[in-house]
């Protein structure tokens, strides 16, 4: 028989419990703690069908492909990158990049003047 999780919807109760019964049986409507007709059955994950467990080489290969996808997404989508590394760190990196570009442009201009 399946296990069902229930919760009492009364504000002052909120009791949660598990119950075993056939899918054909009617779910309980009365909370065992406050004894009011306020019990609701929660939706659970089901039987577990469709869940895949990877181990060993399969897991390693999956992690590598996922990492490559994330790298590509970070390279093409700035908001994804900011969410991935954190907004503060992203802003610091952008500021550092802008500063480096300005210094490089300044150095190029100085070398052009010297070369003449």
PDB file of N, CA and C in Angstrom:
ATOM      1  N   UNK A   1       0.841  -1.181   0.000  1.00  0.00           N
ATOM      2  CA  UNK A   1       0.000   0.000   0.000  1.00  0.00           C
ATOM      3  C   UNK A   1       0.888   1.246   0.000  1.00  0.00           C
ATOM      4  N   UNK A   2       0.445   2.291  -0.663  1.00  0.00           N
ATOM      5  CA  UNK A   2       1.234   3.522  -0.715  1.00  0.00           C
ATOM      6  C   UNK A   2       1.176   4.305   0.601  1.00  0.00           C
ATOM      7  N   UNK A   3       2.207   5.090   0.814  1.00  0.00           N
ATOM      8  CA  UNK A   3       2.261   5.985   1.967  1.00  0.00           C
ATOM      9  C   UNK A   3       1.838   7.368   1.509  1.00  0.00           C
ATOM     10  N   UNK A   4       0.936   7.992   2.252  1.00  0.00           N
ATOM     11  CA  UNK A   4       0.465   9.329   1.929  1.00  0.00           C
ATOM     12  C   UNK A   4       0.816  10.281   3.066  1.00  0.00           C
ATOM     13  N   UNK A   5       1.160  11.497   2.720  1.00  0.00           N
ATOM     14  CA  UNK A   5       1.443  12.528   3.709  1.00  0.00           C
ATOM     15  C   UNK A   5       0.235  13.440   3.777  1.00  0.00           C
ATOM     16  N   UNK A   6      -0.163  13.786   5.009  1.00  0.00           N
ATOM     17  CA  UNK A   6      -1.324  14.642   5.224  1.00  0.00           C
ATOM     18  C   UNK A   6      -0.935  15.827   6.094  1.00  0.00           C
ATOM     19  N   UNK A   7      -1.711  16.895   6.000  1.00  0.00           N
ATOM     20  CA  UNK A   7      -1.489  18.077   6.819  1.00  0.00           C
ATOM     21  C   UNK A   7      -2.839  18.645   7.234  1.00  0.00           C
ATOM     22  N   UNK A   8      -2.884  19.186   8.442  1.00  0.00           N
ATOM     23  CA  UNK A   8      -4.086  19.848   8.934  1.00  0.00           C
ATOM     24  C   UNK A   8      -4.045  21.300   8.477  1.00  0.00           C
ATOM     25  N   UNK A   9      -5.140  21.790   7.914  1.00  0.00           N
ATOM     26  CA  UNK A   9      -5.177  23.149   7.375  1.00  0.00           C
ATOM     27  C   UNK A   9      -5.619  24.185   8.401  1.00  0.00           C
ATOM     28  N   UNK A  10      -5.908  23.770   9.620  1.00  0.00           N
ATOM     29  CA  UNK A  10      -6.252  24.724  10.675  1.00  0.00           C
ATOM     30  C   UNK A  10      -5.016  25.558  11.008  1.00  0.00           C
ATOM     31  N   UNK A  11      -5.175  26.883  11.118  1.00  0.00           N
ATOM     32  CA  UNK A  11      -4.043  27.766  11.371  1.00  0.00           C
ATOM     33  C   UNK A  11      -3.323  27.439  12.673  1.00  0.00           C
ATOM     34  N   UNK A  12      -4.064  27.153  13.719  1.00  0.00           N
ATOM     35  CA  UNK A  12      -3.444  26.905  15.021  1.00  0.00           C
ATOM     36  C   UNK A  12      -2.948  25.472  15.178  1.00  0.00           C
ATOM     37  N   UNK A  13      -3.200  24.582  14.222  1.00  0.00           N
ATOM     38  CA  UNK A  13      -2.765  23.188  14.328  1.00  0.00           C
ATOM     39  C   UNK A  13      -1.580  22.911  13.398  1.00  0.00           C
ATOM     40  N   UNK A  14      -1.818  22.758  12.082  1.00  0.00           N
ATOM     41  CA  UNK A  14      -0.759  22.508  11.104  1.00  0.00           C
ATOM     42  C   UNK A  14      -0.062  21.166  11.254  1.00  0.00           C
ATOM     43  N   UNK A  15      -0.681  20.223  11.927  1.00  0.00           N
ATOM     44  CA  UNK A  15      -0.100  18.906  12.177  1.00  0.00           C
ATOM     45  C   UNK A  15       0.107  18.139  10.873  1.00  0.00           C
ATOM     46  N   UNK A  16       1.266  17.481  10.728  1.00  0.00           N
ATOM     47  CA  UNK A  16       1.555  16.654   9.555  1.00  0.00           C
ATOM     48  C   UNK A  16       1.755  15.220   9.999  1.00  0.00           C
ATOM     49  N   UNK A  17       1.265  14.274   9.197  1.00  0.00           N
ATOM     50  CA  UNK A  17       1.420  12.854   9.507  1.00  0.00           C
ATOM     51  C   UNK A  17       1.373  12.031   8.238  1.00  0.00           C
ATOM     52  N   UNK A  18       1.878  10.789   8.356  1.00  0.00           N
ATOM     53  CA  UNK A  18       1.852   9.831   7.251  1.00  0.00           C
ATOM     54  C   UNK A  18       0.783   8.786   7.540  1.00  0.00           C
ATOM     55  N   UNK A  19       0.190   8.281   6.469  1.00  0.00           N
ATOM     56  CA  UNK A  19      -0.842   7.260   6.619  1.00  0.00           C
ATOM     57  C   UNK A  19      -0.707   6.267   5.470  1.00  0.00           C
ATOM     58  N   UNK A  20      -1.031   5.001   5.726  1.00  0.00           N
ATOM     59  CA  UNK A  20      -0.984   3.942   4.725  1.00  0.00           C
ATOM     60  C   UNK A  20      -2.408   3.498   4.415  1.00  0.00           C
ATOM     61  N   UNK A  21      -2.787   3.544   3.163  1.00  0.00           N
ATOM     62  CA  UNK A  21      -4.081   3.000   2.754  1.00  0.00           C
ATOM     63  C   UNK A  21      -4.092   2.829   1.248  1.00  0.00           C
ATOM     64  N   UNK A  22      -5.037   2.057   0.780  1.00  0.00           N
ATOM     65  CA  UNK A  22      -5.157   1.759  -0.637  1.00  0.00           C
ATOM     66  C   UNK A  22      -5.561   3.018  -1.404  1.00  0.00           C
ATOM     67  N   UNK A  23      -5.196   3.057  -2.658  1.00  0.00           N
ATOM     68  CA  UNK A  23      -5.572   4.180  -3.506  1.00  0.00           C
ATOM     69  C   UNK A  23      -7.088   4.254  -3.700  1.00  0.00           C
ATOM     70  N   UNK A  24      -7.748   3.131  -3.508  1.00  0.00           N
ATOM     71  CA  UNK A  24      -9.201   3.084  -3.641  1.00  0.00           C
ATOM     72  C   UNK A  24      -9.913   3.650  -2.404  1.00  0.00           C
ATOM     73  N   UNK A  25      -9.234   3.672  -1.257  1.00  0.00           N
ATOM     74  CA  UNK A  25      -9.847   4.174  -0.027  1.00  0.00           C
ATOM     75  C   UNK A  25      -9.949   5.698  -0.046  1.00  0.00           C
ATOM     76  N   UNK A  26     -10.909   6.196   0.685  1.00  0.00           N
ATOM     77  CA  UNK A  26     -11.105   7.644   0.832  1.00  0.00           C
ATOM     78  C   UNK A  26     -10.051   8.196   1.801  1.00  0.00           C
ATOM     79  N   UNK A  27      -9.383   9.314   1.449  1.00  0.00           N
ATOM     80  CA  UNK A  27      -8.396   9.887   2.368  1.00  0.00           C
ATOM     81  C   UNK A  27      -9.080  10.422   3.634  1.00  0.00           C
ATOM     82  N   UNK A  28      -8.351  10.447   4.758  1.00  0.00           N
ATOM     83  CA  UNK A  28      -8.955  10.938   5.995  1.00  0.00           C
ATOM     84  C   UNK A  28      -9.267  12.430   5.896  1.00  0.00           C
ATOM     85  N   UNK A  29     -10.331  12.835   6.529  1.00  0.00           N
ATOM     86  CA  UNK A  29     -10.730  14.238   6.533  1.00  0.00           C
ATOM     87  C   UNK A  29     -10.576  14.865   7.915  1.00  0.00           C
ATOM     88  N   UNK A  30     -10.389  14.037   8.951  1.00  0.00           N
ATOM     89  CA  UNK A  30     -10.302  14.526  10.322  1.00  0.00           C
ATOM     90  C   UNK A  30      -8.856  14.445  10.805  1.00  0.00           C
ATOM     91  N   UNK A  31      -8.362  15.551  11.347  1.00  0.00           N
ATOM     92  CA  UNK A  31      -7.005  15.624  11.885  1.00  0.00           C
ATOM     93  C   UNK A  31      -6.941  14.823  13.191  1.00  0.00           C
ATOM     94  N   UNK A  32      -5.939  13.945  13.345  1.00  0.00           N
ATOM     95  CA  UNK A  32      -5.845  13.164  14.572  1.00  0.00           C
ATOM     96  C   UNK A  32      -5.440  13.994  15.797  1.00  0.00           C
ATOM     97  N   UNK A  33      -4.870  15.178  15.584  1.00  0.00           N
ATOM     98  CA  UNK A  33      -4.426  15.991  16.713  1.00  0.00           C
ATOM     99  C   UNK A  33      -5.539  16.903  17.223  1.00  0.00           C
ATOM    100  N   UNK A  34      -6.112  17.731  16.333  1.00  0.00           N
ATOM    101  CA  UNK A  34      -7.139  18.682  16.774  1.00  0.00           C
ATOM    102  C   UNK A  34      -8.554  18.140  16.588  1.00  0.00           C
ATOM    103  N   UNK A  35      -8.681  17.008  15.880  1.00  0.00           N
ATOM    104  CA  UNK A  35      -9.949  16.329  15.639  1.00  0.00           C
ATOM    105  C   UNK A  35     -10.980  17.195  14.910  1.00  0.00           C
ATOM    106  N   UNK A  36     -10.490  18.101  14.065  1.00  0.00           N
ATOM    107  CA  UNK A  36     -11.385  18.917  13.233  1.00  0.00           C
ATOM    108  C   UNK A  36     -11.327  18.369  11.812  1.00  0.00           C
ATOM    109  N   UNK A  37     -12.348  18.641  11.042  1.00  0.00           N
ATOM    110  CA  UNK A  37     -12.415  18.166   9.663  1.00  0.00           C
ATOM    111  C   UNK A  37     -11.639  19.125   8.757  1.00  0.00           C
ATOM    112  N   UNK A  38     -10.313  19.039   8.857  1.00  0.00           N
ATOM    113  CA  UNK A  38      -9.461  19.965   8.113  1.00  0.00           C
ATOM    114  C   UNK A  38      -8.221  19.286   7.531  1.00  0.00           C
ATOM    115  N   UNK A  39      -8.235  17.976   7.363  1.00  0.00           N
ATOM    116  CA  UNK A  39      -7.082  17.248   6.842  1.00  0.00           C
ATOM    117  C   UNK A  39      -7.059  17.282   5.316  1.00  0.00           C
ATOM    118  N   UNK A  40      -5.876  17.466   4.770  1.00  0.00           N
ATOM    119  CA  UNK A  40      -5.665  17.451   3.319  1.00  0.00           C
ATOM    120  C   UNK A  40      -4.498  16.534   3.008  1.00  0.00           C
ATOM    121  N   UNK A  41      -4.617  15.770   1.933  1.00  0.00           N
ATOM    122  CA  UNK A  41      -3.528  14.910   1.489  1.00  0.00           C
ATOM    123  C   UNK A  41      -2.598  15.732   0.605  1.00  0.00           C
ATOM    124  N   UNK A  42      -1.301  15.648   0.860  1.00  0.00           N
ATOM    125  CA  UNK A  42      -0.313  16.364   0.069  1.00  0.00           C
ATOM    126  C   UNK A  42       0.092  15.527  -1.135  1.00  0.00           C
ATOM    127  N   UNK A  43       0.476  16.187  -2.191  1.00  0.00           N
ATOM    128  CA  UNK A  43       0.956  15.485  -3.378  1.00  0.00           C
ATOM    129  C   UNK A  43       2.421  15.170  -3.152  1.00  0.00           C
ATOM    130  N   UNK A  44       2.803  13.920  -3.375  1.00  0.00           N
ATOM    131  CA  UNK A  44       4.185  13.506  -3.156  1.00  0.00           C
ATOM    132  C   UNK A  44       4.836  13.150  -4.485  1.00  0.00           C
ATOM    133  N   UNK A  45       6.090  12.698  -4.415  1.00  0.00           N
ATOM    134  CA  UNK A  45       6.870  12.391  -5.611  1.00  0.00           C
ATOM    135  C   UNK A  45       6.422  11.181  -6.377  1.00  0.00           C
ATOM    136  N   UNK A  46       5.557  10.370  -5.837  1.00  0.00           N
ATOM    137  CA  UNK A  46       5.072   9.199  -6.556  1.00  0.00           C
ATOM    138  C   UNK A  46       5.958   7.996  -6.365  1.00  0.00           C
ATOM    139  N   UNK A  47       5.979   7.138  -7.348  1.00  0.00           N
ATOM    140  CA  UNK A  47       6.649   5.844  -7.227  1.00  0.00           C
ATOM    141  C   UNK A  47       8.148   5.913  -7.457  1.00  0.00           C
ATOM    142  N   UNK A  48       8.644   7.012  -7.951  1.00  0.00           N
ATOM    143  CA  UNK A  48      10.073   7.117  -8.221  1.00  0.00           C
ATOM    144  C   UNK A  48      10.441   6.719  -9.639  1.00  0.00           C
ATOM    145  N   UNK A  49       9.461   6.385 -10.469  1.00  0.00           N
ATOM    146  CA  UNK A  49       9.756   6.032 -11.851  1.00  0.00           C
ATOM    147  C   UNK A  49      10.316   7.256 -12.562  1.00  0.00           C
ATOM    148  N   UNK A  50      11.295   7.042 -13.414  1.00  0.00           N
ATOM    149  CA  UNK A  50      11.888   8.129 -14.166  1.00  0.00           C
ATOM    150  C   UNK A  50      13.102   8.737 -13.488  1.00  0.00           C
ATOM    151  N   UNK A  51      13.427   8.302 -12.279  1.00  0.00           N
ATOM    152  CA  UNK A  51      14.594   8.797 -11.578  1.00  0.00           C
ATOM    153  C   UNK A  51      15.791   7.960 -12.014  1.00  0.00           C
ATOM    154  N   UNK A  52      16.856   8.639 -12.429  1.00  0.00           N
ATOM    155  CA  UNK A  52      18.042   7.950 -12.923  1.00  0.00           C
ATOM    156  C   UNK A  52      19.187   8.202 -11.956  1.00  0.00           C
ATOM    157  N   UNK A  53      19.842   7.144 -11.549  1.00  0.00           N
ATOM    158  CA  UNK A  53      21.015   7.244 -10.680  1.00  0.00           C
ATOM    159  C   UNK A  53      22.253   6.946 -11.511  1.00  0.00           C
ATOM    160  N   UNK A  54      23.166   7.898 -11.576  1.00  0.00           N
ATOM    161  CA  UNK A  54      24.402   7.707 -12.326  1.00  0.00           C
ATOM    162  C   UNK A  54      25.552   7.491 -11.356  1.00  0.00           C
ATOM    163  N   UNK A  55      26.460   6.608 -11.711  1.00  0.00           N
ATOM    164  CA  UNK A  55      27.636   6.366 -10.889  1.00  0.00           C
ATOM    165  C   UNK A  55      28.844   6.177 -11.796  1.00  0.00           C
ATOM    166  N   UNK A  56      30.016   6.271 -11.218  1.00  0.00           N
ATOM    167  CA  UNK A  56      31.260   5.986 -11.923  1.00  0.00           C
ATOM    168  C   UNK A  56      31.493   6.858 -13.135  1.00  0.00           C
ATOM    169  N   UNK A  57      31.828   6.211 -14.244  1.00  0.00           N
ATOM    170  CA  UNK A  57      32.180   6.917 -15.475  1.00  0.00           C
ATOM    171  C   UNK A  57      30.981   7.681 -16.051  1.00  0.00           C
ATOM    172  N   UNK A  58      29.791   7.126 -15.908  1.00  0.00           N
ATOM    173  CA  UNK A  58      28.599   7.814 -16.420  1.00  0.00           C
ATOM    174  C   UNK A  58      28.399   9.148 -15.709  1.00  0.00           C
ATOM    175  N   UNK A  59      28.565   9.142 -14.387  1.00  0.00           N
ATOM    176  CA  UNK A  59      28.417  10.364 -13.606  1.00  0.00           C
ATOM    177  C   UNK A  59      29.481  11.385 -13.981  1.00  0.00           C
ATOM    178  N   UNK A  60      30.710  10.934 -14.122  1.00  0.00           N
ATOM    179  CA  UNK A  60      31.805  11.823 -14.504  1.00  0.00           C
ATOM    180  C   UNK A  60      31.551  12.447 -15.868  1.00  0.00           C
ATOM    181  N   UNK A  61      31.125  11.643 -16.823  1.00  0.00           N
ATOM    182  CA  UNK A  61      30.847  12.154 -18.172  1.00  0.00           C
ATOM    183  C   UNK A  61      29.699  13.166 -18.140  1.00  0.00           C
ATOM    184  N   UNK A  62      28.658  12.879 -17.383  1.00  0.00           N
ATOM    185  CA  UNK A  62      27.509  13.793 -17.277  1.00  0.00           C
ATOM    186  C   UNK A  62      27.934  15.119 -16.663  1.00  0.00           C
ATOM    187  N   UNK A  63      28.741  15.065 -15.609  1.00  0.00           N
ATOM    188  CA  UNK A  63      29.219  16.288 -14.970  1.00  0.00           C
ATOM    189  C   UNK A  63      30.070  17.125 -15.918  1.00  0.00           C
ATOM    190  N   UNK A  64      30.911  16.462 -16.710  1.00  0.00           N
ATOM    191  CA  UNK A  64      31.749  17.188 -17.668  1.00  0.00           C
ATOM    192  C   UNK A  64      30.910  17.872 -18.735  1.00  0.00           C
ATOM    193  N   UNK A  65      29.910  17.173 -19.275  1.00  0.00           N
ATOM    194  CA  UNK A  65      29.066  17.798 -20.302  1.00  0.00           C
ATOM    195  C   UNK A  65      28.242  18.943 -19.713  1.00  0.00           C
ATOM    196  N   UNK A  66      27.755  18.776 -18.475  1.00  0.00           N
ATOM    197  CA  UNK A  66      27.013  19.856 -17.830  1.00  0.00           C
ATOM    198  C   UNK A  66      27.904  21.071 -17.585  1.00  0.00           C
ATOM    199  N   UNK A  67      29.156  20.823 -17.192  1.00  0.00           N
ATOM    200  CA  UNK A  67      30.097  21.920 -16.956  1.00  0.00           C
ATOM    201  C   UNK A  67      30.391  22.672 -18.251  1.00  0.00           C
ATOM    202  N   UNK A  68      30.540  21.948 -19.359  1.00  0.00           N
ATOM    203  CA  UNK A  68      30.780  22.590 -20.654  1.00  0.00           C
ATOM    204  C   UNK A  68      29.593  23.463 -21.065  1.00  0.00           C
ATOM    205  N   UNK A  69      28.385  22.947 -20.842  1.00  0.00           N
ATOM    206  CA  UNK A  69      27.187  23.731 -21.163  1.00  0.00           C
ATOM    207  C   UNK A  69      27.139  25.010 -20.332  1.00  0.00           C
ATOM    208  N   UNK A  70      27.502  24.892 -19.061  1.00  0.00           N
ATOM    209  CA  UNK A  70      27.486  26.062 -18.180  1.00  0.00           C
ATOM    210  C   UNK A  70      28.543  27.081 -18.611  1.00  0.00           C
ATOM    211  N   UNK A  71      29.716  26.614 -19.005  1.00  0.00           N
ATOM    212  CA  UNK A  71      30.765  27.521 -19.475  1.00  0.00           C
ATOM    213  C   UNK A  71      30.303  28.282 -20.710  1.00  0.00           C
ATOM    214  N   UNK A  72      29.680  27.571 -21.656  1.00  0.00           N
ATOM    215  CA  UNK A  72      29.196  28.220 -22.873  1.00  0.00           C
ATOM    216  C   UNK A  72      28.116  29.244 -22.550  1.00  0.00           C
ATOM    217  N   UNK A  73      27.221  28.890 -21.644  1.00  0.00           N
ATOM    218  CA  UNK A  73      26.144  29.811 -21.264  1.00  0.00           C
ATOM    219  C   UNK A  73      26.709  31.041 -20.569  1.00  0.00           C
ATOM    220  N   UNK A  74      27.710  30.851 -19.715  1.00  0.00           N
ATOM    221  CA  UNK A  74      28.345  31.986 -19.031  1.00  0.00           C
ATOM    222  C   UNK A  74      29.053  32.907 -20.029  1.00  0.00           C
ATOM    223  N   UNK A  75      29.647  32.318 -21.058  1.00  0.00           N
ATOM    224  CA  UNK A  75      30.369  33.109 -22.042  1.00  0.00           C
ATOM    225  C   UNK A  75      29.431  33.926 -22.929  1.00  0.00           C
ATOM    226  N   UNK A  76      28.208  33.446 -23.133  1.00  0.00           N
ATOM    227  CA  UNK A  76      27.294  34.133 -24.043  1.00  0.00           C
ATOM    228  C   UNK A  76      26.209  34.956 -23.339  1.00  0.00           C
ATOM    229  N   UNK A  77      25.967  34.703 -22.066  1.00  0.00           N
ATOM    230  CA  UNK A  77      24.854  35.354 -21.370  1.00  0.00           C
ATOM    231  C   UNK A  77      25.378  36.007 -20.092  1.00  0.00           C
ATOM    232  N   UNK A  78      25.454  37.348 -20.085  1.00  0.00           N
ATOM    233  CA  UNK A  78      26.012  38.057 -18.936  1.00  0.00           C
ATOM    234  C   UNK A  78      25.160  37.911 -17.680  1.00  0.00           C
ATOM    235  N   UNK A  79      23.855  37.884 -17.818  1.00  0.00           N
ATOM    236  CA  UNK A  79      23.005  37.745 -16.630  1.00  0.00           C
ATOM    237  C   UNK A  79      23.161  36.352 -16.017  1.00  0.00           C
ATOM    238  N   UNK A  80      23.352  35.324 -16.842  1.00  0.00           N
ATOM    239  CA  UNK A  80      23.597  33.969 -16.337  1.00  0.00           C
ATOM    240  C   UNK A  80      24.917  33.938 -15.569  1.00  0.00           C
ATOM    241  N   UNK A  81      25.940  34.589 -16.128  1.00  0.00           N
ATOM    242  CA  UNK A  81      27.240  34.652 -15.467  1.00  0.00           C
ATOM    243  C   UNK A  81      27.136  35.376 -14.134  1.00  0.00           C
ATOM    244  N   UNK A  82      26.410  36.495 -14.110  1.00  0.00           N
ATOM    245  CA  UNK A  82      26.246  37.251 -12.869  1.00  0.00           C
ATOM    246  C   UNK A  82      25.528  36.416 -11.810  1.00  0.00           C
ATOM    247  N   UNK A  83      24.524  35.659 -12.220  1.00  0.00           N
ATOM    248  CA  UNK A  83      23.828  34.791 -11.274  1.00  0.00           C
ATOM    249  C   UNK A  83      24.713  33.637 -10.829  1.00  0.00           C
ATOM    250  N   UNK A  84      25.540  33.152 -11.712  1.00  0.00           N
ATOM    251  CA  UNK A  84      26.385  32.001 -11.415  1.00  0.00           C
ATOM    252  C   UNK A  84      27.483  32.348 -10.411  1.00  0.00           C
ATOM    253  N   UNK A  85      28.176  33.465 -10.625  1.00  0.00           N
ATOM    254  CA  UNK A  85      29.289  33.814  -9.736  1.00  0.00           C
ATOM    255  C   UNK A  85      28.892  34.782  -8.634  1.00  0.00           C
ATOM    256  N   UNK A  86      27.720  35.360  -8.730  1.00  0.00           N
ATOM    257  CA  UNK A  86      27.277  36.324  -7.722  1.00  0.00           C
ATOM    258  C   UNK A  86      27.388  37.732  -8.272  1.00  0.00           C
ATOM    259  N   UNK A  87      26.398  38.542  -7.968  1.00  0.00           N
ATOM    260  CA  UNK A  87      26.318  39.896  -8.522  1.00  0.00           C
ATOM    261  C   UNK A  87      27.521  40.754  -8.112  1.00  0.00           C
ATOM    262  N   UNK A  88      27.916  40.689  -6.848  1.00  0.00           N
ATOM    263  CA  UNK A  88      29.019  41.529  -6.372  1.00  0.00           C
ATOM    264  C   UNK A  88      30.330  41.170  -7.062  1.00  0.00           C
ATOM    265  N   UNK A  89      30.622  39.892  -7.153  1.00  0.00           N
ATOM    266  CA  UNK A  89      31.848  39.445  -7.813  1.00  0.00           C
ATOM    267  C   UNK A  89      31.820  39.806  -9.304  1.00  0.00           C
ATOM    268  N   UNK A  90      30.646  39.673  -9.925  1.00  0.00           N
ATOM    269  CA  UNK A  90      30.509  40.029 -11.342  1.00  0.00           C
ATOM    270  C   UNK A  90      30.818  41.514 -11.545  1.00  0.00           C
ATOM    271  N   UNK A  91      30.247  42.368 -10.696  1.00  0.00           N
ATOM    272  CA  UNK A  91      30.483  43.811 -10.820  1.00  0.00           C
ATOM    273  C   UNK A  91      31.960  44.138 -10.616  1.00  0.00           C
ATOM    274  N   UNK A  92      32.618  43.473  -9.659  1.00  0.00           N
ATOM    275  CA  UNK A  92      34.052  43.695  -9.441  1.00  0.00           C
ATOM    276  C   UNK A  92      34.853  43.278 -10.664  1.00  0.00           C
ATOM    277  N   UNK A  93      34.490  42.157 -11.289  1.00  0.00           N
ATOM    278  CA  UNK A  93      35.187  41.694 -12.492  1.00  0.00           C
ATOM    279  C   UNK A  93      34.993  42.661 -13.652  1.00  0.00           C
ATOM    280  N   UNK A  94      33.773  43.165 -13.811  1.00  0.00           N
ATOM    281  CA  UNK A  94      33.492  44.123 -14.882  1.00  0.00           C
ATOM    282  C   UNK A  94      34.305  45.397 -14.664  1.00  0.00           C
ATOM    283  N   UNK A  95      34.347  45.886 -13.434  1.00  0.00           N
ATOM    284  CA  UNK A  95      35.118  47.088 -13.122  1.00  0.00           C
ATOM    285  C   UNK A  95      36.598  46.872 -13.396  1.00  0.00           C
ATOM    286  N   UNK A  96      37.132  45.704 -13.012  1.00  0.00           N
ATOM    287  CA  UNK A  96      38.539  45.401 -13.244  1.00  0.00           C
ATOM    288  C   UNK A  96      38.834  45.297 -14.746  1.00  0.00           C
ATOM    289  N   UNK A  97      37.921  44.694 -15.502  1.00  0.00           N
ATOM    290  CA  UNK A  97      38.104  44.585 -16.954  1.00  0.00           C
ATOM    291  C   UNK A  97      38.105  45.957 -17.611  1.00  0.00           C
ATOM    292  N   UNK A  98      37.182  46.809 -17.203  1.00  0.00           N
ATOM    293  CA  UNK A  98      37.124  48.158 -17.772  1.00  0.00           C
ATOM    294  C   UNK A  98      38.393  48.941 -17.455  1.00  0.00           C
ATOM    295  N   UNK A  99      38.892  48.800 -16.233  1.00  0.00           N
ATOM    296  CA  UNK A  99      40.116  49.484 -15.830  1.00  0.00           C
ATOM    297  C   UNK A  99      41.296  48.980 -16.664  1.00  0.00           C
ATOM    298  N   UNK A 100      41.386  47.675 -16.870  1.00  0.00           N
ATOM    299  CA  UNK A 100      42.473  47.096 -17.661  1.00  0.00           C
ATOM    300  C   UNK A 100      42.410  47.565 -19.115  1.00  0.00           C
ATOM    301  N   UNK A 101      41.199  47.655 -19.667  1.00  0.00           N
ATOM    302  CA  UNK A 101      41.053  48.136 -21.045  1.00  0.00           C
ATOM    303  C   UNK A 101      41.496  49.583 -21.166  1.00  0.00           C
ATOM    304  N   UNK A 102      41.130  50.414 -20.206  1.00  0.00           N
ATOM    305  CA  UNK A 102      41.537  51.825 -20.237  1.00  0.00           C
ATOM    306  C   UNK A 102      43.055  51.951 -20.156  1.00  0.00           C
ATOM    307  N   UNK A 103      43.675  51.164 -19.276  1.00  0.00           N
ATOM    308  CA  UNK A 103      45.133  51.204 -19.155  1.00  0.00           C
ATOM    309  C   UNK A 103      45.809  50.720 -20.435  1.00  0.00           C
ATOM    310  N   UNK A 104      45.235  49.680 -21.064  1.00  0.00           N
ATOM    311  CA  UNK A 104      45.813  49.164 -22.313  1.00  0.00           C
ATOM    312  C   UNK A 104      45.696  50.204 -23.428  1.00  0.00           C
ATOM    313  N   UNK A 105      44.550  50.873 -23.517  1.00  0.00           N
ATOM    314  CA  UNK A 105      44.374  51.919 -24.530  1.00  0.00           C
ATOM    315  C   UNK A 105      45.335  53.076 -24.299  1.00  0.00           C
ATOM    316  N   UNK A 106      45.520  53.440 -23.039  1.00  0.00           N
ATOM    317  CA  UNK A 106      46.450  54.517 -22.707  1.00  0.00           C
ATOM    318  C   UNK A 106      47.867  54.133 -23.101  1.00  0.00           C
ATOM    319  N   UNK A 107      48.255  52.890 -22.812  1.00  0.00           N
ATOM    320  CA  UNK A 107      49.600  52.420 -23.158  1.00  0.00           C
ATOM    321  C   UNK A 107      49.798  52.411 -24.672  1.00  0.00           C
ATOM    322  N   UNK A 108      48.782  51.994 -25.430  1.00  0.00           N
ATOM    323  CA  UNK A 108      48.878  51.981 -26.897  1.00  0.00           C
ATOM    324  C   UNK A 108      49.097  53.387 -27.432  1.00  0.00           C
ATOM    325  N   UNK A 109      48.343  54.350 -26.883  1.00  0.00           N
ATOM    326  CA  UNK A 109      48.481  55.736 -27.340  1.00  0.00           C
ATOM    327  C   UNK A 109      49.875  56.275 -27.030  1.00  0.00           C
ATOM    328  N   UNK A 110      50.398  55.930 -25.863  1.00  0.00           N
ATOM    329  CA  UNK A 110      51.729  56.402 -25.481  1.00  0.00           C
ATOM    330  C   UNK A 110      52.795  55.816 -26.392  1.00  0.00           C
ATOM    331  N   UNK A 111      52.701  54.514 -26.736  1.00  0.00           N
ATOM    332  CA  UNK A 111      53.683  53.874 -27.592  1.00  0.00           C
ATOM    333  C   UNK A 111      53.599  54.412 -29.023  1.00  0.00           C
ATOM    334  N   UNK A 112      52.409  54.769 -29.482  1.00  0.00           N
ATOM    335  CA  UNK A 112      52.278  55.339 -30.828  1.00  0.00           C
ATOM    336  C   UNK A 112      52.999  56.665 -30.899  1.00  0.00           C
ATOM    337  N   UNK A 113      52.908  57.474 -29.841  1.00  0.00           N
ATOM    338  CA  UNK A 113      53.577  58.767 -29.827  1.00  0.00           C
ATOM    339  C   UNK A 113      55.085  58.611 -29.801  1.00  0.00           C
ATOM    340  N   UNK A 114      55.577  57.600 -29.086  1.00  0.00           N
ATOM    341  CA  UNK A 114      57.007  57.368 -28.993  1.00  0.00           C
ATOM    342  C   UNK A 114      57.558  56.868 -30.323  1.00  0.00           C
ATOM    343  N   UNK A 115      56.783  56.023 -31.027  1.00  0.00           N
ATOM    344  CA  UNK A 115      57.235  55.456 -32.295  1.00  0.00           C
ATOM    345  C   UNK A 115      57.381  56.503 -33.382  1.00  0.00           C
ATOM    346  N   UNK A 116      56.710  57.598 -33.314  1.00  0.00           N
ATOM    347  CA  UNK A 116      56.746  58.597 -34.397  1.00  0.00           C
ATOM    348  C   UNK A 116      58.039  59.270 -34.468  1.00  0.00           C
TER     349      UNK A 116
END
